[in-house]
Amino acid sequence: AKTNMLTKQKFSFDSNGKLANCES
């Protein structure tokens, strides 16, 4: 379940639309 839920592309780290990430 973890693998299915946490590896979907839409929830990947840099592509998450909610997160305004920092540059460093």
PDB file of all heavy atoms in Angstrom:
ATOM      1  N   ALA A   1       0.829  -1.209   0.000  1.00  0.00           N
ATOM      2  CA  ALA A   1       0.000   0.000   0.000  1.00  0.00           C
ATOM      3  C   ALA A   1       0.861   1.254   0.000  1.00  0.00           C
ATOM      4  O   ALA A   1       0.606   2.219  -0.707  1.00  0.00           O
ATOM      5  CB  ALA A   1      -0.926   0.001   1.219  1.00  0.00           C
ATOM      6  N   LYS A   2       1.932   1.191   0.795  1.00  0.00           N
ATOM      7  CA  LYS A   2       2.848   2.322   0.905  1.00  0.00           C
ATOM      8  C   LYS A   2       3.496   2.617  -0.437  1.00  0.00           C
ATOM      9  O   LYS A   2       3.569   3.752  -0.903  1.00  0.00           O
ATOM     10  CB  LYS A   2       3.938   1.971   1.928  1.00  0.00           C
ATOM     11  CG  LYS A   2       4.222   3.048   2.949  1.00  0.00           C
ATOM     12  CD  LYS A   2       5.375   2.636   3.830  1.00  0.00           C
ATOM     13  CE  LYS A   2       4.977   1.631   4.879  1.00  0.00           C
ATOM     14  NZ  LYS A   2       6.067   1.322   5.809  1.00  0.00           N
ATOM     15  N   THR A   3       3.959   1.540  -1.078  1.00  0.00           N
ATOM     16  CA  THR A   3       4.617   1.687  -2.383  1.00  0.00           C
ATOM     17  C   THR A   3       3.661   2.301  -3.394  1.00  0.00           C
ATOM     18  O   THR A   3       4.006   3.227  -4.117  1.00  0.00           O
ATOM     19  CB  THR A   3       5.099   0.316  -2.888  1.00  0.00           C
ATOM     20  OG1 THR A   3       5.964  -0.247  -1.909  1.00  0.00           O
ATOM     21  CG2 THR A   3       5.844   0.450  -4.206  1.00  0.00           C
ATOM     22  N   ASN A   4       2.414   1.815  -3.397  1.00  0.00           N
ATOM     23  CA  ASN A   4       1.418   2.332  -4.339  1.00  0.00           C
ATOM     24  C   ASN A   4       1.096   3.797  -4.063  1.00  0.00           C
ATOM     25  O   ASN A   4       0.999   4.615  -4.975  1.00  0.00           O
ATOM     26  CB  ASN A   4       0.122   1.513  -4.260  1.00  0.00           C
ATOM     27  CG  ASN A   4       0.330   0.114  -4.793  1.00  0.00           C
ATOM     28  OD1 ASN A   4       1.235  -0.131  -5.577  1.00  0.00           O
ATOM     29  ND2 ASN A   4      -0.511  -0.821  -4.349  1.00  0.00           N
ATOM     30  N   MET A   5       0.941   4.131  -2.783  1.00  0.00           N
ATOM     31  CA  MET A   5       0.478   5.474  -2.445  1.00  0.00           C
ATOM     32  C   MET A   5       1.573   6.526  -2.508  1.00  0.00           C
ATOM     33  O   MET A   5       1.337   7.662  -2.880  1.00  0.00           O
ATOM     34  CB  MET A   5      -0.123   5.472  -1.031  1.00  0.00           C
ATOM     35  CG  MET A   5      -1.441   4.754  -0.954  1.00  0.00           C
ATOM     36  SD  MET A   5      -2.032   4.713   0.740  1.00  0.00           S
ATOM     37  CE  MET A   5      -3.576   3.825   0.530  1.00  0.00           C
ATOM     38  N   LEU A   6       2.780   6.143  -2.131  1.00  0.00           N
ATOM     39  CA  LEU A   6       3.835   7.151  -1.987  1.00  0.00           C
ATOM     40  C   LEU A   6       4.721   7.290  -3.215  1.00  0.00           C
ATOM     41  O   LEU A   6       5.586   8.151  -3.251  1.00  0.00           O
ATOM     42  CB  LEU A   6       4.713   6.825  -0.763  1.00  0.00           C
ATOM     43  CG  LEU A   6       3.979   6.795   0.572  1.00  0.00           C
ATOM     44  CD1 LEU A   6       4.953   6.516   1.702  1.00  0.00           C
ATOM     45  CD2 LEU A   6       3.260   8.102   0.829  1.00  0.00           C
ATOM     46  N   THR A   7       4.529   6.436  -4.213  1.00  0.00           N
ATOM     47  CA  THR A   7       5.383   6.555  -5.399  1.00  0.00           C
ATOM     48  C   THR A   7       4.621   7.056  -6.615  1.00  0.00           C
ATOM     49  O   THR A   7       5.178   7.119  -7.701  1.00  0.00           O
ATOM     50  CB  THR A   7       6.034   5.197  -5.738  1.00  0.00           C
ATOM     51  OG1 THR A   7       5.004   4.225  -5.944  1.00  0.00           O
ATOM     52  CG2 THR A   7       6.958   4.744  -4.639  1.00  0.00           C
ATOM     53  N   LYS A   8       3.339   7.421  -6.432  1.00  0.00           N
ATOM     54  CA  LYS A   8       2.604   7.991  -7.560  1.00  0.00           C
ATOM     55  C   LYS A   8       3.247   9.316  -7.948  1.00  0.00           C
ATOM     56  O   LYS A   8       3.609  10.116  -7.091  1.00  0.00           O
ATOM     57  CB  LYS A   8       1.145   8.225  -7.168  1.00  0.00           C
ATOM     58  CG  LYS A   8       0.361   6.924  -7.032  1.00  0.00           C
ATOM     59  CD  LYS A   8      -1.068   7.206  -6.600  1.00  0.00           C
ATOM     60  CE  LYS A   8      -1.834   5.903  -6.402  1.00  0.00           C
ATOM     61  NZ  LYS A   8      -3.179   6.134  -5.886  1.00  0.00           N
ATOM     62  N   GLN A   9       3.345   9.569  -9.240  1.00  0.00           N
ATOM     63  CA  GLN A   9       4.059  10.748  -9.727  1.00  0.00           C
ATOM     64  C   GLN A   9       3.489  12.047  -9.156  1.00  0.00           C
ATOM     65  O   GLN A   9       4.212  12.970  -8.837  1.00  0.00           O
ATOM     66  CB  GLN A   9       4.008  10.788 -11.266  1.00  0.00           C
ATOM     67  CG  GLN A   9       4.879  11.872 -11.898  1.00  0.00           C
ATOM     68  CD  GLN A   9       6.349  11.703 -11.543  1.00  0.00           C
ATOM     69  OE1 GLN A   9       6.828  10.586 -11.429  1.00  0.00           O
ATOM     70  NE2 GLN A   9       7.042  12.794 -11.324  1.00  0.00           N
ATOM     71  N   LYS A  10       2.152  12.109  -9.029  1.00  0.00           N
ATOM     72  CA  LYS A  10       1.562  13.375  -8.602  1.00  0.00           C
ATOM     73  C   LYS A  10       1.931  13.733  -7.160  1.00  0.00           C
ATOM     74  O   LYS A  10       1.755  14.856  -6.722  1.00  0.00           O
ATOM     75  CB  LYS A  10       0.046  13.355  -8.749  1.00  0.00           C
ATOM     76  CG  LYS A  10      -0.681  12.387  -7.837  1.00  0.00           C
ATOM     77  CD  LYS A  10      -2.185  12.537  -8.015  1.00  0.00           C
ATOM     78  CE  LYS A  10      -2.942  11.611  -7.083  1.00  0.00           C
ATOM     79  NZ  LYS A  10      -4.390  11.829  -7.159  1.00  0.00           N
ATOM     80  N   PHE A  11       2.445  12.750  -6.402  1.00  0.00           N
ATOM     81  CA  PHE A  11       2.863  13.066  -5.046  1.00  0.00           C
ATOM     82  C   PHE A  11       4.377  13.089  -4.900  1.00  0.00           C
ATOM     83  O   PHE A  11       4.894  13.070  -3.807  1.00  0.00           O
ATOM     84  CB  PHE A  11       2.276  12.055  -4.050  1.00  0.00           C
ATOM     85  CG  PHE A  11       0.802  12.184  -3.886  1.00  0.00           C
ATOM     86  CD1 PHE A  11      -0.035  11.167  -4.304  1.00  0.00           C
ATOM     87  CD2 PHE A  11       0.251  13.329  -3.347  1.00  0.00           C
ATOM     88  CE1 PHE A  11      -1.397  11.282  -4.168  1.00  0.00           C
ATOM     89  CE2 PHE A  11      -1.110  13.450  -3.211  1.00  0.00           C
ATOM     90  CZ  PHE A  11      -1.941  12.431  -3.620  1.00  0.00           C
ATOM     91  N   SER A  12       5.094  13.109  -6.016  1.00  0.00           N
ATOM     92  CA  SER A  12       6.551  13.154  -5.908  1.00  0.00           C
ATOM     93  C   SER A  12       6.971  14.505  -5.359  1.00  0.00           C
ATOM     94  O   SER A  12       6.232  15.484  -5.413  1.00  0.00           O
ATOM     95  CB  SER A  12       7.207  12.896  -7.270  1.00  0.00           C
ATOM     96  OG  SER A  12       6.943  13.977  -8.127  1.00  0.00           O
ATOM     97  N   PHE A  13       8.185  14.573  -4.865  1.00  0.00           N
ATOM     98  CA  PHE A  13       8.639  15.719  -4.071  1.00  0.00           C
ATOM     99  C   PHE A  13       8.558  17.044  -4.823  1.00  0.00           C
ATOM    100  O   PHE A  13       7.894  17.975  -4.425  1.00  0.00           O
ATOM    101  CB  PHE A  13      10.069  15.447  -3.609  1.00  0.00           C
ATOM    102  CG  PHE A  13      10.688  16.584  -2.847  1.00  0.00           C
ATOM    103  CD1 PHE A  13      10.099  17.044  -1.682  1.00  0.00           C
ATOM    104  CD2 PHE A  13      11.840  17.179  -3.295  1.00  0.00           C
ATOM    105  CE1 PHE A  13      10.662  18.081  -0.975  1.00  0.00           C
ATOM    106  CE2 PHE A  13      12.397  18.207  -2.591  1.00  0.00           C
ATOM    107  CZ  PHE A  13      11.815  18.665  -1.427  1.00  0.00           C
ATOM    108  N   ASP A  14       9.211  17.132  -5.979  1.00  0.00           N
ATOM    109  CA  ASP A  14       9.306  18.414  -6.640  1.00  0.00           C
ATOM    110  C   ASP A  14       8.086  18.770  -7.474  1.00  0.00           C
ATOM    111  O   ASP A  14       7.901  19.910  -7.836  1.00  0.00           O
ATOM    112  CB  ASP A  14      10.567  18.463  -7.529  1.00  0.00           C
ATOM    113  CG  ASP A  14      11.831  18.587  -6.676  1.00  0.00           C
ATOM    114  OD1 ASP A  14      11.812  19.409  -5.757  1.00  0.00           O
ATOM    115  OD2 ASP A  14      12.795  17.851  -6.918  1.00  0.00           O
ATOM    116  N   SER A  15       7.264  17.773  -7.801  1.00  0.00           N
ATOM    117  CA  SER A  15       6.118  18.069  -8.659  1.00  0.00           C
ATOM    118  C   SER A  15       4.860  18.381  -7.856  1.00  0.00           C
ATOM    119  O   SER A  15       3.819  18.629  -8.431  1.00  0.00           O
ATOM    120  CB  SER A  15       5.839  16.868  -9.578  1.00  0.00           C
ATOM    121  OG  SER A  15       5.425  15.756  -8.797  1.00  0.00           O
ATOM    122  N   ASN A  16       4.960  18.371  -6.514  1.00  0.00           N
ATOM    123  CA  ASN A  16       3.783  18.660  -5.701  1.00  0.00           C
ATOM    124  C   ASN A  16       3.429  20.141  -5.798  1.00  0.00           C
ATOM    125  O   ASN A  16       4.190  21.001  -5.385  1.00  0.00           O
ATOM    126  CB  ASN A  16       4.081  18.270  -4.247  1.00  0.00           C
ATOM    127  CG  ASN A  16       2.940  18.651  -3.327  1.00  0.00           C
ATOM    128  OD1 ASN A  16       1.848  18.945  -3.786  1.00  0.00           O
ATOM    129  ND2 ASN A  16       3.202  18.649  -2.042  1.00  0.00           N
ATOM    130  N   GLY A  17       2.250  20.428  -6.339  1.00  0.00           N
ATOM    131  CA  GLY A  17       1.868  21.812  -6.570  1.00  0.00           C
ATOM    132  C   GLY A  17       1.720  22.631  -5.300  1.00  0.00           C
ATOM    133  O   GLY A  17       1.840  23.844  -5.327  1.00  0.00           O
ATOM    134  N   LYS A  18       1.446  21.979  -4.166  1.00  0.00           N
ATOM    135  CA  LYS A  18       1.252  22.729  -2.924  1.00  0.00           C
ATOM    136  C   LYS A  18       2.564  23.273  -2.371  1.00  0.00           C
ATOM    137  O   LYS A  18       2.605  24.327  -1.767  1.00  0.00           O
ATOM    138  CB  LYS A  18       0.610  21.827  -1.864  1.00  0.00           C
ATOM    139  CG  LYS A  18      -0.822  21.427  -2.166  1.00  0.00           C
ATOM    140  CD  LYS A  18      -1.354  20.592  -1.025  1.00  0.00           C
ATOM    141  CE  LYS A  18      -2.796  20.189  -1.280  1.00  0.00           C
ATOM    142  NZ  LYS A  18      -3.325  19.411  -0.151  1.00  0.00           N
ATOM    143  N   LEU A  19       3.624  22.524  -2.538  1.00  0.00           N
ATOM    144  CA  LEU A  19       4.898  22.884  -1.918  1.00  0.00           C
ATOM    145  C   LEU A  19       5.619  23.962  -2.715  1.00  0.00           C
ATOM    146  O   LEU A  19       5.908  23.790  -3.894  1.00  0.00           O
ATOM    147  CB  LEU A  19       5.791  21.645  -1.798  1.00  0.00           C
ATOM    148  CG  LEU A  19       7.195  21.893  -1.239  1.00  0.00           C
ATOM    149  CD1 LEU A  19       7.123  22.252   0.239  1.00  0.00           C
ATOM    150  CD2 LEU A  19       8.086  20.675  -1.442  1.00  0.00           C
ATOM    151  N   ALA A  20       5.908  25.081  -2.057  1.00  0.00           N
ATOM    152  CA  ALA A  20       6.797  26.088  -2.643  1.00  0.00           C
ATOM    153  C   ALA A  20       8.169  25.814  -2.057  1.00  0.00           C
ATOM    154  O   ALA A  20       8.482  26.227  -0.937  1.00  0.00           O
ATOM    155  CB  ALA A  20       6.316  27.487  -2.299  1.00  0.00           C
ATOM    156  N   ASN A  21       8.989  25.064  -2.798  1.00  0.00           N
ATOM    157  CA  ASN A  21      10.256  24.594  -2.242  1.00  0.00           C
ATOM    158  C   ASN A  21      11.303  25.704  -2.243  1.00  0.00           C
ATOM    159  O   ASN A  21      11.170  26.716  -2.927  1.00  0.00           O
ATOM    160  CB  ASN A  21      10.758  23.389  -3.050  1.00  0.00           C
ATOM    161  CG  ASN A  21      11.721  22.547  -2.244  1.00  0.00           C
ATOM    162  OD1 ASN A  21      11.850  22.734  -1.034  1.00  0.00           O
ATOM    163  ND2 ASN A  21      12.395  21.624  -2.895  1.00  0.00           N
ATOM    164  N   CYS A  22      12.361  25.498  -1.474  1.00  0.00           N
ATOM    165  CA  CYS A  22      13.466  26.462  -1.464  1.00  0.00           C
ATOM    166  C   CYS A  22      14.506  26.028  -2.499  1.00  0.00           C
ATOM    167  O   CYS A  22      14.509  24.886  -2.961  1.00  0.00           O
ATOM    168  CB  CYS A  22      14.079  26.555  -0.068  1.00  0.00           C
ATOM    169  SG  CYS A  22      14.546  24.980   0.668  1.00  0.00           S
ATOM    170  N   GLU A  23      15.407  26.941  -2.819  1.00  0.00           N
ATOM    171  CA  GLU A  23      16.386  26.664  -3.871  1.00  0.00           C
ATOM    172  C   GLU A  23      17.549  25.820  -3.366  1.00  0.00           C
ATOM    173  O   GLU A  23      18.074  24.979  -4.077  1.00  0.00           O
ATOM    174  CB  GLU A  23      16.905  27.993  -4.446  1.00  0.00           C
ATOM    175  CG  GLU A  23      15.827  28.780  -5.176  1.00  0.00           C
ATOM    176  CD  GLU A  23      16.270  30.190  -5.540  1.00  0.00           C
ATOM    177  OE1 GLU A  23      17.502  30.425  -5.595  1.00  0.00           O
ATOM    178  OE2 GLU A  23      15.406  31.048  -5.773  1.00  0.00           O
ATOM    179  N   SER A  24      17.953  26.033  -2.130  1.00  0.00           N
ATOM    180  CA  SER A  24      19.091  25.299  -1.573  1.00  0.00           C
ATOM    181  C   SER A  24      18.726  23.835  -1.366  1.00  0.00           C
ATOM    182  O   SER A  24      17.579  23.498  -1.058  1.00  0.00           O
ATOM    183  CB  SER A  24      19.522  25.914  -0.242  1.00  0.00           C
ATOM    184  OG  SER A  24      20.504  25.103   0.378  1.00  0.00           O
TER     185      SER A  24
END
